[in-house]
Amino acid sequence: MNVTIIGILLPLLGTVLGASFVFFMKKNMPDRLQKTLLGFASGVMIAASVW
């Protein structure tokens, strides 16, 4: 049961971390970094939905 919870929380935390950087710092970051972080967050969620 604990492994399942860790398996669910790990992609969730990665997505929240990537999206929160973009959300809170969007005025202070270059466009390239913003696109990279959004791509990372969406990639984690796509991977989570596949596995």
C-alpha atoms as a PDB file:
ATOM      1  CA  MET A   1       0.000   0.000   0.000  1.00  0.00           C
ATOM      2  CA  ASN A   2       2.810   2.429   0.820  1.00  0.00           C
ATOM      3  CA  VAL A   3       4.477   1.839  -2.557  1.00  0.00           C
ATOM      4  CA  THR A   4       1.242   2.743  -4.318  1.00  0.00           C
ATOM      5  CA  ILE A   5       0.922   5.971  -2.383  1.00  0.00           C
ATOM      6  CA  ILE A   6       4.526   6.917  -3.188  1.00  0.00           C
ATOM      7  CA  GLY A   7       3.923   6.050  -6.840  1.00  0.00           C
ATOM      8  CA  ILE A   8       0.952   8.394  -6.943  1.00  0.00           C
ATOM      9  CA  LEU A   9       2.516  11.243  -4.975  1.00  0.00           C
ATOM     10  CA  LEU A  10       5.823  11.377  -6.862  1.00  0.00           C
ATOM     11  CA  PRO A  11       4.355  12.505 -10.231  1.00  0.00           C
ATOM     12  CA  LEU A  12       1.945  14.786  -8.415  1.00  0.00           C
ATOM     13  CA  LEU A  13       4.759  16.553  -6.566  1.00  0.00           C
ATOM     14  CA  GLY A  14       6.806  16.897  -9.752  1.00  0.00           C
ATOM     15  CA  THR A  15       3.895  18.472 -11.548  1.00  0.00           C
ATOM     16  CA  VAL A  16       3.062  20.815  -8.697  1.00  0.00           C
ATOM     17  CA  LEU A  17       6.701  21.877  -8.397  1.00  0.00           C
ATOM     18  CA  GLY A  18       7.103  22.593 -12.107  1.00  0.00           C
ATOM     19  CA  ALA A  19       3.790  24.400 -12.424  1.00  0.00           C
ATOM     20  CA  SER A  20       4.307  26.444  -9.268  1.00  0.00           C
ATOM     21  CA  PHE A  21       7.613  27.832 -10.565  1.00  0.00           C
ATOM     22  CA  VAL A  22       5.855  28.983 -13.700  1.00  0.00           C
ATOM     23  CA  PHE A  23       2.853  30.360 -11.832  1.00  0.00           C
ATOM     24  CA  PHE A  24       4.716  32.351  -9.174  1.00  0.00           C
ATOM     25  CA  MET A  25       7.654  33.541 -11.270  1.00  0.00           C
ATOM     26  CA  LYS A  26       6.054  34.038 -14.677  1.00  0.00           C
ATOM     27  CA  LYS A  27       6.809  37.772 -14.820  1.00  0.00           C
ATOM     28  CA  ASN A  28      10.476  37.351 -13.840  1.00  0.00           C
ATOM     29  CA  MET A  29      11.514  34.449 -16.058  1.00  0.00           C
ATOM     30  CA  PRO A  30      12.477  34.265 -19.717  1.00  0.00           C
ATOM     31  CA  ASP A  31      10.028  32.673 -22.146  1.00  0.00           C
ATOM     32  CA  ARG A  32      12.345  29.753 -22.840  1.00  0.00           C
ATOM     33  CA  LEU A  33      12.557  28.768 -19.158  1.00  0.00           C
ATOM     34  CA  GLN A  34       8.797  29.118 -18.760  1.00  0.00           C
ATOM     35  CA  LYS A  35       8.169  26.814 -21.722  1.00  0.00           C
ATOM     36  CA  THR A  36      10.707  24.309 -20.388  1.00  0.00           C
ATOM     37  CA  LEU A  37       9.075  24.139 -16.956  1.00  0.00           C
ATOM     38  CA  LEU A  38       5.578  23.839 -18.431  1.00  0.00           C
ATOM     39  CA  GLY A  39       6.825  21.065 -20.706  1.00  0.00           C
ATOM     40  CA  PHE A  40       8.315  19.245 -17.732  1.00  0.00           C
ATOM     41  CA  ALA A  41       5.075  19.504 -15.757  1.00  0.00           C
ATOM     42  CA  SER A  42       2.954  18.282 -18.651  1.00  0.00           C
ATOM     43  CA  GLY A  43       5.399  15.473 -19.431  1.00  0.00           C
ATOM     44  CA  VAL A  44       5.206  14.200 -15.870  1.00  0.00           C
ATOM     45  CA  MET A  45       1.427  14.141 -16.032  1.00  0.00           C
ATOM     46  CA  ILE A  46       1.404  12.329 -19.371  1.00  0.00           C
ATOM     47  CA  ALA A  47       3.828   9.749 -17.989  1.00  0.00           C
ATOM     48  CA  ALA A  48       1.672   9.357 -14.880  1.00  0.00           C
ATOM     49  CA  SER A  49      -1.416   8.719 -16.981  1.00  0.00           C
ATOM     50  CA  VAL A  50       0.363   6.071 -19.076  1.00  0.00           C
ATOM     51  CA  TRP A  51       1.865   4.150 -16.165  1.00  0.00           C
END
